[in-house]
């Protein structure tokens, strides 16, 4: 699970745009407002980075991500919450002086996707600093780091991560003089999704969830489906929610269409052979917020978005075989 951004001391952060050799945006959907970041020393990465206060419906969610440092001249207090903006390294904000510090995000992303099994976290960190150290340049010394750099030099030029691969997300603090600018690893969401009808008719290919799991237990909110009808259900299972017959009328407490597409989205995201655009926790958070929200504005747009994703096709056939 993971994501990252950069610096300038006296200029508004939003106006900064970090120069790098990667121009593509990797099609990430990141929050437009700050989130909270806490780092601890990692075991397989430089940091274990925990994000919280992440709004629902984005490619990043509340949770722990593999994290790395991109600033050797500022330290960050472990266990303390910092407000950070998240930016894709495929379309990063500008650095202090790109003529002196050539930030090579293509090679950083190549490294994150091609870590040698024998590499230590220090090897990987030094290799990252070689390409992105905000007050650099930095010179790696560890043999393992030098081997990673040699591989990135040979193969990483112009690398742009695609669906299912890892992208560095920049975590840019409110005050980069107090806390390091860091990055986290985030898996790029996919471009596949199957309909509620598919999952309703093929429960034998579900992964991670059971037809008897309650919607309220999975999503953390209660709903009534088929309200006012003979088969009204105040505590549906996931399979029953897939069969909900109505649309969305938030002020009347009708969420049938959202329920159908929410369960389908969750099953898409949970299946190992379906490359879905959202992760499970983001779906759960978004559905809980839309149904629990009292302003009656979220359910219809969320249903429409999930409907679009659930009609992308691909992934698996009716027997669960990859296609």
C-alpha atoms as a PDB file:
ATOM      1  CA  UNK A   1       0.000   0.000   0.000  1.00  0.00           C
ATOM      2  CA  UNK A   2       1.244   4.098  -0.829  1.00  0.00           C
ATOM      3  CA  UNK A   3       2.458   8.270  -2.432  1.00  0.00           C
ATOM      4  CA  UNK A   4       4.736  11.854  -2.562  1.00  0.00           C
ATOM      5  CA  UNK A   5       5.920  15.805  -3.298  1.00  0.00           C
ATOM      6  CA  UNK A   6       8.588  18.700  -2.965  1.00  0.00           C
ATOM      7  CA  UNK A   7       9.890  22.179  -1.881  1.00  0.00           C
ATOM      8  CA  UNK A   8      10.576  25.937  -1.991  1.00  0.00           C
ATOM      9  CA  UNK A   9      11.032  28.114   1.031  1.00  0.00           C
ATOM     10  CA  UNK A  10       9.270  31.368   0.339  1.00  0.00           C
ATOM     11  CA  UNK A  11       6.943  30.559  -2.548  1.00  0.00           C
ATOM     12  CA  UNK A  12       3.443  29.148  -2.294  1.00  0.00           C
ATOM     13  CA  UNK A  13       3.624  25.360  -2.647  1.00  0.00           C
ATOM     14  CA  UNK A  14       0.922  25.201  -5.285  1.00  0.00           C
ATOM     15  CA  UNK A  15       3.031  27.307  -7.656  1.00  0.00           C
ATOM     16  CA  UNK A  16       5.996  24.927  -7.525  1.00  0.00           C
ATOM     17  CA  UNK A  17       6.517  22.396 -10.233  1.00  0.00           C
ATOM     18  CA  UNK A  18       9.363  19.924  -9.780  1.00  0.00           C
ATOM     19  CA  UNK A  19      11.320  19.418 -12.994  1.00  0.00           C
ATOM     20  CA  UNK A  20      11.766  15.806 -13.994  1.00  0.00           C
ATOM     21  CA  UNK A  21      12.161  13.710 -17.083  1.00  0.00           C
ATOM     22  CA  UNK A  22       8.685  12.187 -16.715  1.00  0.00           C
ATOM     23  CA  UNK A  23       5.819  14.156 -18.204  1.00  0.00           C
ATOM     24  CA  UNK A  24       2.929  11.678 -18.138  1.00  0.00           C
ATOM     25  CA  UNK A  25       0.427  11.995 -15.314  1.00  0.00           C
ATOM     26  CA  UNK A  26      -0.013   8.251 -14.668  1.00  0.00           C
ATOM     27  CA  UNK A  27      -3.746   9.008 -14.404  1.00  0.00           C
ATOM     28  CA  UNK A  28      -3.696   9.290 -10.619  1.00  0.00           C
ATOM     29  CA  UNK A  29      -6.647  10.713  -8.724  1.00  0.00           C
ATOM     30  CA  UNK A  30      -5.143  12.392  -5.651  1.00  0.00           C
ATOM     31  CA  UNK A  31      -6.802  14.537  -2.965  1.00  0.00           C
ATOM     32  CA  UNK A  32      -6.746  18.286  -3.733  1.00  0.00           C
ATOM     33  CA  UNK A  33      -6.394  19.158  -0.047  1.00  0.00           C
ATOM     34  CA  UNK A  34      -3.771  18.272   2.615  1.00  0.00           C
ATOM     35  CA  UNK A  35      -3.765  14.927   4.422  1.00  0.00           C
ATOM     36  CA  UNK A  36      -1.952  13.879   7.608  1.00  0.00           C
ATOM     37  CA  UNK A  37       1.302  11.919   7.428  1.00  0.00           C
ATOM     38  CA  UNK A  38       3.172  10.123  10.226  1.00  0.00           C
ATOM     39  CA  UNK A  39       6.453   8.290   9.605  1.00  0.00           C
ATOM     40  CA  UNK A  40       8.304   5.635  11.550  1.00  0.00           C
ATOM     41  CA  UNK A  41      11.571   3.928  10.679  1.00  0.00           C
ATOM     42  CA  UNK A  42      10.806   1.087   8.300  1.00  0.00           C
ATOM     43  CA  UNK A  43      12.169  -2.416   7.995  1.00  0.00           C
ATOM     44  CA  UNK A  44      12.050  -2.931   4.217  1.00  0.00           C
ATOM     45  CA  UNK A  45      11.741   0.756   3.349  1.00  0.00           C
ATOM     46  CA  UNK A  46      13.287   3.890   4.808  1.00  0.00           C
ATOM     47  CA  UNK A  47       9.935   4.882   6.321  1.00  0.00           C
ATOM     48  CA  UNK A  48       6.694   3.213   7.203  1.00  0.00           C
ATOM     49  CA  UNK A  49       4.395   6.082   6.244  1.00  0.00           C
ATOM     50  CA  UNK A  50       0.885   6.264   7.644  1.00  0.00           C
ATOM     51  CA  UNK A  51      -1.646   8.507   5.934  1.00  0.00           C
ATOM     52  CA  UNK A  52      -4.849   9.637   7.628  1.00  0.00           C
ATOM     53  CA  UNK A  53      -7.591  12.195   7.046  1.00  0.00           C
ATOM     54  CA  UNK A  54      -7.626  11.110   3.396  1.00  0.00           C
ATOM     55  CA  UNK A  55     -10.983  11.940   1.760  1.00  0.00           C
ATOM     56  CA  UNK A  56     -12.824   9.025   0.219  1.00  0.00           C
ATOM     57  CA  UNK A  57     -12.945   8.314  -3.489  1.00  0.00           C
ATOM     58  CA  UNK A  58      -9.261   8.783  -4.346  1.00  0.00           C
ATOM     59  CA  UNK A  59      -6.493   6.411  -5.455  1.00  0.00           C
ATOM     60  CA  UNK A  60      -4.841   6.757  -2.050  1.00  0.00           C
ATOM     61  CA  UNK A  61      -6.568   5.824   1.198  1.00  0.00           C
ATOM     62  CA  UNK A  62      -5.949   5.912   4.929  1.00  0.00           C
ATOM     63  CA  UNK A  63      -3.289   3.342   5.745  1.00  0.00           C
ATOM     64  CA  UNK A  64       0.402   2.446   5.818  1.00  0.00           C
ATOM     65  CA  UNK A  65       2.624   2.810   2.758  1.00  0.00           C
ATOM     66  CA  UNK A  66       6.269   2.095   1.996  1.00  0.00           C
ATOM     67  CA  UNK A  67       8.032   5.452   2.218  1.00  0.00           C
ATOM     68  CA  UNK A  68      11.356   6.981   1.205  1.00  0.00           C
ATOM     69  CA  UNK A  69      13.259  10.190   1.863  1.00  0.00           C
ATOM     70  CA  UNK A  70      14.130  12.660  -0.916  1.00  0.00           C
ATOM     71  CA  UNK A  71      15.790  15.314   1.230  1.00  0.00           C
ATOM     72  CA  UNK A  72      19.022  14.549   3.100  1.00  0.00           C
ATOM     73  CA  UNK A  73      19.311  18.031   4.622  1.00  0.00           C
ATOM     74  CA  UNK A  74      16.153  18.041   6.752  1.00  0.00           C
ATOM     75  CA  UNK A  75      15.034  15.447   9.271  1.00  0.00           C
ATOM     76  CA  UNK A  76      11.496  14.516  10.224  1.00  0.00           C
ATOM     77  CA  UNK A  77      10.281  13.663  13.708  1.00  0.00           C
ATOM     78  CA  UNK A  78       9.076  10.082  13.936  1.00  0.00           C
ATOM     79  CA  UNK A  79       5.594   9.497  15.289  1.00  0.00           C
ATOM     80  CA  UNK A  80       4.458  13.093  14.741  1.00  0.00           C
ATOM     81  CA  UNK A  81       1.641  14.087  12.413  1.00  0.00           C
ATOM     82  CA  UNK A  82       2.450  16.503   9.578  1.00  0.00           C
ATOM     83  CA  UNK A  83       0.084  18.068   7.078  1.00  0.00           C
ATOM     84  CA  UNK A  84       1.179  17.216   3.523  1.00  0.00           C
ATOM     85  CA  UNK A  85      -0.038  17.663  -0.018  1.00  0.00           C
ATOM     86  CA  UNK A  86       0.190  14.638  -2.310  1.00  0.00           C
ATOM     87  CA  UNK A  87       1.541  14.925  -5.855  1.00  0.00           C
ATOM     88  CA  UNK A  88       2.280  12.367  -8.547  1.00  0.00           C
ATOM     89  CA  UNK A  89       5.943  12.051  -9.482  1.00  0.00           C
ATOM     90  CA  UNK A  90       4.707  11.620 -13.066  1.00  0.00           C
ATOM     91  CA  UNK A  91       3.594  15.263 -12.952  1.00  0.00           C
ATOM     92  CA  UNK A  92       5.555  16.757 -10.047  1.00  0.00           C
ATOM     93  CA  UNK A  93       5.902  20.314  -8.693  1.00  0.00           C
ATOM     94  CA  UNK A  94       9.111  22.189  -9.520  1.00  0.00           C
ATOM     95  CA  UNK A  95      12.260  22.113  -7.422  1.00  0.00           C
ATOM     96  CA  UNK A  96      14.627  24.822  -6.203  1.00  0.00           C
ATOM     97  CA  UNK A  97      17.117  24.838  -9.041  1.00  0.00           C
ATOM     98  CA  UNK A  98      16.674  22.238 -11.794  1.00  0.00           C
ATOM     99  CA  UNK A  99      19.916  23.370 -13.432  1.00  0.00           C
ATOM    100  CA  UNK A 100      21.836  22.162 -10.379  1.00  0.00           C
ATOM    101  CA  UNK A 101      19.584  19.319  -9.243  1.00  0.00           C
ATOM    102  CA  UNK A 102      18.252  17.238 -12.153  1.00  0.00           C
ATOM    103  CA  UNK A 103      15.382  15.329 -10.591  1.00  0.00           C
ATOM    104  CA  UNK A 104      15.113  12.105 -12.570  1.00  0.00           C
ATOM    105  CA  UNK A 105      11.730  10.682 -11.564  1.00  0.00           C
ATOM    106  CA  UNK A 106      11.725   8.183 -14.415  1.00  0.00           C
ATOM    107  CA  UNK A 107      14.691   6.403 -12.843  1.00  0.00           C
ATOM    108  CA  UNK A 108      13.270   6.654  -9.320  1.00  0.00           C
ATOM    109  CA  UNK A 109      10.076   4.981 -10.509  1.00  0.00           C
ATOM    110  CA  UNK A 110      12.118   2.390 -12.358  1.00  0.00           C
ATOM    111  CA  UNK A 111      13.981   1.615  -9.131  1.00  0.00           C
ATOM    112  CA  UNK A 112      10.758   1.242  -7.136  1.00  0.00           C
ATOM    113  CA  UNK A 113       9.488  -1.290  -9.681  1.00  0.00           C
ATOM    114  CA  UNK A 114      12.751  -3.213 -10.058  1.00  0.00           C
ATOM    115  CA  UNK A 115      14.237  -3.619  -6.582  1.00  0.00           C
ATOM    116  CA  UNK A 116      16.759  -6.474  -6.483  1.00  0.00           C
ATOM    117  CA  UNK A 117      15.790  -9.177  -4.008  1.00  0.00           C
ATOM    118  CA  UNK A 118      19.209  -8.830  -2.380  1.00  0.00           C
ATOM    119  CA  UNK A 119      18.995  -5.046  -1.933  1.00  0.00           C
ATOM    120  CA  UNK A 120      18.726  -3.548   1.540  1.00  0.00           C
ATOM    121  CA  UNK A 121      16.578  -0.536   2.319  1.00  0.00           C
ATOM    122  CA  UNK A 122      19.790   1.530   2.546  1.00  0.00           C
ATOM    123  CA  UNK A 123      20.832   0.394  -0.950  1.00  0.00           C
ATOM    124  CA  UNK A 124      17.488   1.489  -2.356  1.00  0.00           C
ATOM    125  CA  UNK A 125      17.451   4.752  -0.401  1.00  0.00           C
ATOM    126  CA  UNK A 126      20.913   5.773  -1.581  1.00  0.00           C
ATOM    127  CA  UNK A 127      19.938   4.995  -5.176  1.00  0.00           C
ATOM    128  CA  UNK A 128      16.839   7.195  -4.838  1.00  0.00           C
ATOM    129  CA  UNK A 129      18.904  10.028  -3.346  1.00  0.00           C
ATOM    130  CA  UNK A 130      21.235   9.749  -6.329  1.00  0.00           C
ATOM    131  CA  UNK A 131      18.366  10.896  -8.554  1.00  0.00           C
ATOM    132  CA  UNK A 132      16.226  12.981  -6.196  1.00  0.00           C
ATOM    133  CA  UNK A 133      17.840  14.808  -3.291  1.00  0.00           C
ATOM    134  CA  UNK A 134      16.318  18.255  -2.974  1.00  0.00           C
ATOM    135  CA  UNK A 135      19.522  19.944  -1.848  1.00  0.00           C
ATOM    136  CA  UNK A 136      21.807  17.523  -3.680  1.00  0.00           C
ATOM    137  CA  UNK A 137      23.610  16.311  -5.594  1.00  0.00           C
ATOM    138  CA  UNK A 138      24.061  13.133  -3.554  1.00  0.00           C
ATOM    139  CA  UNK A 139      26.725  10.517  -4.257  1.00  0.00           C
ATOM    140  CA  UNK A 140      25.896   6.915  -3.394  1.00  0.00           C
ATOM    141  CA  UNK A 141      28.625   4.789  -1.793  1.00  0.00           C
ATOM    142  CA  UNK A 142      27.102   1.386  -1.010  1.00  0.00           C
ATOM    143  CA  UNK A 143      27.928  -1.341  -3.566  1.00  0.00           C
ATOM    144  CA  UNK A 144      24.295  -2.429  -3.647  1.00  0.00           C
ATOM    145  CA  UNK A 145      23.169   1.133  -4.353  1.00  0.00           C
ATOM    146  CA  UNK A 146      25.744   1.520  -7.115  1.00  0.00           C
ATOM    147  CA  UNK A 147      24.452  -1.674  -8.756  1.00  0.00           C
ATOM    148  CA  UNK A 148      20.866  -0.357  -8.627  1.00  0.00           C
ATOM    149  CA  UNK A 149      21.994   2.948 -10.135  1.00  0.00           C
ATOM    150  CA  UNK A 150      23.845   1.160 -12.945  1.00  0.00           C
ATOM    151  CA  UNK A 151      20.683  -0.781 -13.772  1.00  0.00           C
ATOM    152  CA  UNK A 152      18.572   2.383 -13.703  1.00  0.00           C
ATOM    153  CA  UNK A 153      21.056   4.144 -15.982  1.00  0.00           C
ATOM    154  CA  UNK A 154      20.892   1.277 -18.460  1.00  0.00           C
ATOM    155  CA  UNK A 155      17.148   0.590 -18.380  1.00  0.00           C
ATOM    156  CA  UNK A 156      15.306   3.363 -16.539  1.00  0.00           C
ATOM    157  CA  UNK A 157      15.521   6.324 -18.878  1.00  0.00           C
ATOM    158  CA  UNK A 158      12.012   7.426 -19.866  1.00  0.00           C
ATOM    159  CA  UNK A 159      10.323   4.825 -17.651  1.00  0.00           C
ATOM    160  CA  UNK A 160       6.681   5.648 -16.906  1.00  0.00           C
ATOM    161  CA  UNK A 161       4.846   3.214 -14.605  1.00  0.00           C
ATOM    162  CA  UNK A 162       1.586   1.845 -15.904  1.00  0.00           C
ATOM    163  CA  UNK A 163      -1.459   0.109 -14.527  1.00  0.00           C
ATOM    164  CA  UNK A 164      -0.583  -2.258 -11.688  1.00  0.00           C
ATOM    165  CA  UNK A 165       2.928  -0.828 -11.296  1.00  0.00           C
ATOM    166  CA  UNK A 166       4.294   1.362  -8.510  1.00  0.00           C
ATOM    167  CA  UNK A 167       4.559   5.140  -8.776  1.00  0.00           C
ATOM    168  CA  UNK A 168       6.250   7.480  -6.318  1.00  0.00           C
ATOM    169  CA  UNK A 169       3.818   9.929  -4.751  1.00  0.00           C
ATOM    170  CA  UNK A 170       5.380  13.049  -3.287  1.00  0.00           C
ATOM    171  CA  UNK A 171       4.369  14.038   0.242  1.00  0.00           C
ATOM    172  CA  UNK A 172       5.049  17.772   0.499  1.00  0.00           C
ATOM    173  CA  UNK A 173       4.777  19.186   4.051  1.00  0.00           C
ATOM    174  CA  UNK A 174       3.347  22.580   4.963  1.00  0.00           C
ATOM    175  CA  UNK A 175       6.831  23.595   6.137  1.00  0.00           C
ATOM    176  CA  UNK A 176       9.628  21.741   4.291  1.00  0.00           C
ATOM    177  CA  UNK A 177      12.195  23.349   6.616  1.00  0.00           C
ATOM    178  CA  UNK A 178      10.676  21.483   9.567  1.00  0.00           C
ATOM    179  CA  UNK A 179       9.820  18.141   7.975  1.00  0.00           C
ATOM    180  CA  UNK A 180      11.442  16.251   5.141  1.00  0.00           C
ATOM    181  CA  UNK A 181       9.802  15.993   1.771  1.00  0.00           C
ATOM    182  CA  UNK A 182       9.187  12.275   1.310  1.00  0.00           C
ATOM    183  CA  UNK A 183       7.629   9.868  -1.142  1.00  0.00           C
ATOM    184  CA  UNK A 184       5.402   6.845  -0.795  1.00  0.00           C
ATOM    185  CA  UNK A 185       4.867   3.891  -3.087  1.00  0.00           C
ATOM    186  CA  UNK A 186       1.410   3.714  -4.660  1.00  0.00           C
ATOM    187  CA  UNK A 187       0.163   1.058  -7.045  1.00  0.00           C
ATOM    188  CA  UNK A 188      -1.443   2.643 -10.105  1.00  0.00           C
ATOM    189  CA  UNK A 189      -5.089   1.626 -10.397  1.00  0.00           C
ATOM    190  CA  UNK A 190      -6.243  -0.397 -13.343  1.00  0.00           C
ATOM    191  CA  UNK A 191      -8.635  -0.215 -16.279  1.00  0.00           C
ATOM    192  CA  UNK A 192     -10.853  -3.275 -15.817  1.00  0.00           C
ATOM    193  CA  UNK A 193     -14.204  -3.781 -14.114  1.00  0.00           C
ATOM    194  CA  UNK A 194     -17.210  -6.123 -14.322  1.00  0.00           C
ATOM    195  CA  UNK A 195     -20.869  -5.346 -13.807  1.00  0.00           C
ATOM    196  CA  UNK A 196     -23.182  -6.062 -10.878  1.00  0.00           C
ATOM    197  CA  UNK A 197     -24.926  -8.588 -13.122  1.00  0.00           C
ATOM    198  CA  UNK A 198     -21.686 -10.487 -13.655  1.00  0.00           C
ATOM    199  CA  UNK A 199     -20.961 -10.766  -9.933  1.00  0.00           C
ATOM    200  CA  UNK A 200     -24.603 -11.568  -9.118  1.00  0.00           C
ATOM    201  CA  UNK A 201     -24.587 -14.484 -11.567  1.00  0.00           C
ATOM    202  CA  UNK A 202     -21.097 -15.780 -10.771  1.00  0.00           C
ATOM    203  CA  UNK A 203     -20.674 -15.939  -6.973  1.00  0.00           C
ATOM    204  CA  UNK A 204     -18.316 -18.886  -7.432  1.00  0.00           C
ATOM    205  CA  UNK A 205     -15.568 -16.533  -8.672  1.00  0.00           C
ATOM    206  CA  UNK A 206     -15.768 -14.058  -5.764  1.00  0.00           C
ATOM    207  CA  UNK A 207     -12.554 -13.458  -3.823  1.00  0.00           C
ATOM    208  CA  UNK A 208     -12.272 -12.137  -0.281  1.00  0.00           C
ATOM    209  CA  UNK A 209     -16.006 -11.914   0.371  1.00  0.00           C
ATOM    210  CA  UNK A 210     -18.949 -14.281   0.825  1.00  0.00           C
ATOM    211  CA  UNK A 211     -22.473 -14.046  -0.535  1.00  0.00           C
ATOM    212  CA  UNK A 212     -23.667 -14.140   3.080  1.00  0.00           C
ATOM    213  CA  UNK A 213     -21.546 -11.194   4.267  1.00  0.00           C
ATOM    214  CA  UNK A 214     -23.781  -8.357   5.400  1.00  0.00           C
ATOM    215  CA  UNK A 215     -23.563  -5.057   3.512  1.00  0.00           C
ATOM    216  CA  UNK A 216     -23.621  -3.213   6.837  1.00  0.00           C
ATOM    217  CA  UNK A 217     -20.679  -5.215   8.195  1.00  0.00           C
ATOM    218  CA  UNK A 218     -18.559  -4.700   5.082  1.00  0.00           C
ATOM    219  CA  UNK A 219     -19.295  -1.025   4.423  1.00  0.00           C
ATOM    220  CA  UNK A 220     -20.011   0.114   7.970  1.00  0.00           C
ATOM    221  CA  UNK A 221     -23.391   1.674   7.101  1.00  0.00           C
ATOM    222  CA  UNK A 222     -26.895   0.260   7.078  1.00  0.00           C
ATOM    223  CA  UNK A 223     -29.228   0.465   4.095  1.00  0.00           C
ATOM    224  CA  UNK A 224     -32.689  -0.689   3.124  1.00  0.00           C
ATOM    225  CA  UNK A 225     -33.103  -2.103  -0.376  1.00  0.00           C
ATOM    226  CA  UNK A 226     -36.323  -2.483  -2.360  1.00  0.00           C
ATOM    227  CA  UNK A 227     -38.012  -0.034   0.015  1.00  0.00           C
ATOM    228  CA  UNK A 228     -41.798  -0.224  -0.001  1.00  0.00           C
ATOM    229  CA  UNK A 229     -41.784  -3.372  -2.085  1.00  0.00           C
ATOM    230  CA  UNK A 230     -42.798  -6.885  -1.126  1.00  0.00           C
ATOM    231  CA  UNK A 231     -39.164  -7.927  -0.828  1.00  0.00           C
ATOM    232  CA  UNK A 232     -38.026  -4.905   1.203  1.00  0.00           C
ATOM    233  CA  UNK A 233     -34.807  -5.777   3.061  1.00  0.00           C
ATOM    234  CA  UNK A 234     -33.394  -3.732   5.943  1.00  0.00           C
ATOM    235  CA  UNK A 235     -30.183  -5.737   6.360  1.00  0.00           C
ATOM    236  CA  UNK A 236     -29.152  -7.162   2.978  1.00  0.00           C
ATOM    237  CA  UNK A 237     -26.251  -9.470   2.282  1.00  0.00           C
ATOM    238  CA  UNK A 238     -23.776  -8.563  -0.445  1.00  0.00           C
ATOM    239  CA  UNK A 239     -25.559 -10.864  -2.883  1.00  0.00           C
ATOM    240  CA  UNK A 240     -28.929  -9.364  -2.002  1.00  0.00           C
ATOM    241  CA  UNK A 241     -27.501  -5.869  -2.484  1.00  0.00           C
ATOM    242  CA  UNK A 242     -26.354  -6.876  -5.964  1.00  0.00           C
ATOM    243  CA  UNK A 243     -29.987  -7.735  -6.699  1.00  0.00           C
ATOM    244  CA  UNK A 244     -31.404  -4.416  -5.402  1.00  0.00           C
ATOM    245  CA  UNK A 245     -34.000  -3.140  -7.862  1.00  0.00           C
ATOM    246  CA  UNK A 246     -34.298   0.611  -7.342  1.00  0.00           C
ATOM    247  CA  UNK A 247     -32.303   3.696  -8.190  1.00  0.00           C
ATOM    248  CA  UNK A 248     -30.922   6.438  -5.933  1.00  0.00           C
ATOM    249  CA  UNK A 249     -33.210   8.868  -4.080  1.00  0.00           C
ATOM    250  CA  UNK A 250     -31.073  10.043  -1.193  1.00  0.00           C
ATOM    251  CA  UNK A 251     -33.666  12.151   0.586  1.00  0.00           C
ATOM    252  CA  UNK A 252     -35.944   9.120   0.663  1.00  0.00           C
ATOM    253  CA  UNK A 253     -33.196   6.807   1.866  1.00  0.00           C
ATOM    254  CA  UNK A 254     -33.087   4.877  -1.424  1.00  0.00           C
ATOM    255  CA  UNK A 255     -29.599   3.674  -2.319  1.00  0.00           C
ATOM    256  CA  UNK A 256     -30.371   0.552  -4.371  1.00  0.00           C
ATOM    257  CA  UNK A 257     -28.323   1.477  -7.441  1.00  0.00           C
ATOM    258  CA  UNK A 258     -25.384   2.586  -5.313  1.00  0.00           C
ATOM    259  CA  UNK A 259     -25.594  -0.666  -3.331  1.00  0.00           C
ATOM    260  CA  UNK A 260     -25.437  -2.739  -6.523  1.00  0.00           C
ATOM    261  CA  UNK A 261     -22.460  -0.882  -7.915  1.00  0.00           C
ATOM    262  CA  UNK A 262     -20.690  -0.612  -4.551  1.00  0.00           C
ATOM    263  CA  UNK A 263     -20.678  -4.391  -4.100  1.00  0.00           C
ATOM    264  CA  UNK A 264     -19.609  -4.946  -7.707  1.00  0.00           C
ATOM    265  CA  UNK A 265     -16.809  -2.407  -7.281  1.00  0.00           C
ATOM    266  CA  UNK A 266     -15.626  -4.115  -4.108  1.00  0.00           C
ATOM    267  CA  UNK A 267     -15.608  -7.550  -5.764  1.00  0.00           C
ATOM    268  CA  UNK A 268     -13.734  -6.135  -8.747  1.00  0.00           C
ATOM    269  CA  UNK A 269     -11.118  -4.554  -6.506  1.00  0.00           C
ATOM    270  CA  UNK A 270     -10.748  -7.714  -4.411  1.00  0.00           C
ATOM    271  CA  UNK A 271     -10.186 -10.059  -7.345  1.00  0.00           C
ATOM    272  CA  UNK A 272      -6.535 -10.730  -8.105  1.00  0.00           C
ATOM    273  CA  UNK A 273      -7.125 -10.898 -11.875  1.00  0.00           C
ATOM    274  CA  UNK A 274      -9.253  -7.761 -12.224  1.00  0.00           C
ATOM    275  CA  UNK A 275      -7.236  -4.572 -12.622  1.00  0.00           C
ATOM    276  CA  UNK A 276      -9.766  -2.199 -11.070  1.00  0.00           C
ATOM    277  CA  UNK A 277      -9.341   1.608 -10.855  1.00  0.00           C
ATOM    278  CA  UNK A 278      -9.990   1.773  -7.084  1.00  0.00           C
ATOM    279  CA  UNK A 279      -8.696  -0.116  -4.062  1.00  0.00           C
ATOM    280  CA  UNK A 280     -11.050  -1.819  -1.611  1.00  0.00           C
ATOM    281  CA  UNK A 281     -10.614   0.634   1.261  1.00  0.00           C
ATOM    282  CA  UNK A 282     -11.259   3.639  -0.961  1.00  0.00           C
ATOM    283  CA  UNK A 283     -14.498   2.063  -2.154  1.00  0.00           C
ATOM    284  CA  UNK A 284     -15.614   1.252   1.379  1.00  0.00           C
ATOM    285  CA  UNK A 285     -14.781   4.755   2.617  1.00  0.00           C
ATOM    286  CA  UNK A 286     -16.545   6.445  -0.298  1.00  0.00           C
ATOM    287  CA  UNK A 287     -19.716   4.362   0.075  1.00  0.00           C
ATOM    288  CA  UNK A 288     -19.845   4.882   3.848  1.00  0.00           C
ATOM    289  CA  UNK A 289     -19.431   8.641   3.421  1.00  0.00           C
ATOM    290  CA  UNK A 290     -22.040   8.890   0.659  1.00  0.00           C
ATOM    291  CA  UNK A 291     -24.688   6.974   2.587  1.00  0.00           C
ATOM    292  CA  UNK A 292     -23.834   8.440   5.984  1.00  0.00           C
ATOM    293  CA  UNK A 293     -23.680  12.016   4.690  1.00  0.00           C
ATOM    294  CA  UNK A 294     -26.677  14.165   5.598  1.00  0.00           C
ATOM    295  CA  UNK A 295     -26.470  16.662   2.730  1.00  0.00           C
ATOM    296  CA  UNK A 296     -27.841  14.233   0.115  1.00  0.00           C
ATOM    297  CA  UNK A 297     -25.340  15.108  -2.590  1.00  0.00           C
ATOM    298  CA  UNK A 298     -22.840  12.248  -2.771  1.00  0.00           C
ATOM    299  CA  UNK A 299     -24.653   9.017  -3.603  1.00  0.00           C
ATOM    300  CA  UNK A 300     -25.718   9.731  -7.180  1.00  0.00           C
ATOM    301  CA  UNK A 301     -22.278  10.967  -8.378  1.00  0.00           C
ATOM    302  CA  UNK A 302     -20.568   8.020  -6.660  1.00  0.00           C
ATOM    303  CA  UNK A 303     -23.018   5.570  -8.205  1.00  0.00           C
ATOM    304  CA  UNK A 304     -22.334   7.066 -11.644  1.00  0.00           C
ATOM    305  CA  UNK A 305     -18.564   6.808 -11.198  1.00  0.00           C
ATOM    306  CA  UNK A 306     -18.723   3.183 -10.012  1.00  0.00           C
ATOM    307  CA  UNK A 307     -21.151   2.367 -12.830  1.00  0.00           C
ATOM    308  CA  UNK A 308     -18.580   3.655 -15.308  1.00  0.00           C
ATOM    309  CA  UNK A 309     -15.755   1.650 -13.710  1.00  0.00           C
ATOM    310  CA  UNK A 310     -17.933  -1.476 -13.500  1.00  0.00           C
ATOM    311  CA  UNK A 311     -18.504  -1.378 -17.245  1.00  0.00           C
ATOM    312  CA  UNK A 312     -14.860  -1.259 -18.290  1.00  0.00           C
ATOM    313  CA  UNK A 313     -14.856  -5.000 -19.022  1.00  0.00           C
ATOM    314  CA  UNK A 314     -11.868  -7.325 -19.103  1.00  0.00           C
ATOM    315  CA  UNK A 315     -10.314  -9.099 -16.154  1.00  0.00           C
ATOM    316  CA  UNK A 316     -11.906 -12.551 -16.001  1.00  0.00           C
ATOM    317  CA  UNK A 317     -14.445 -14.640 -17.872  1.00  0.00           C
ATOM    318  CA  UNK A 318     -17.515 -16.370 -16.445  1.00  0.00           C
ATOM    319  CA  UNK A 319     -15.330 -19.227 -15.192  1.00  0.00           C
ATOM    320  CA  UNK A 320     -12.908 -16.934 -13.384  1.00  0.00           C
ATOM    321  CA  UNK A 321     -10.150 -17.361 -15.971  1.00  0.00           C
ATOM    322  CA  UNK A 322      -8.014 -14.308 -16.781  1.00  0.00           C
ATOM    323  CA  UNK A 323      -8.719 -12.763 -20.167  1.00  0.00           C
END
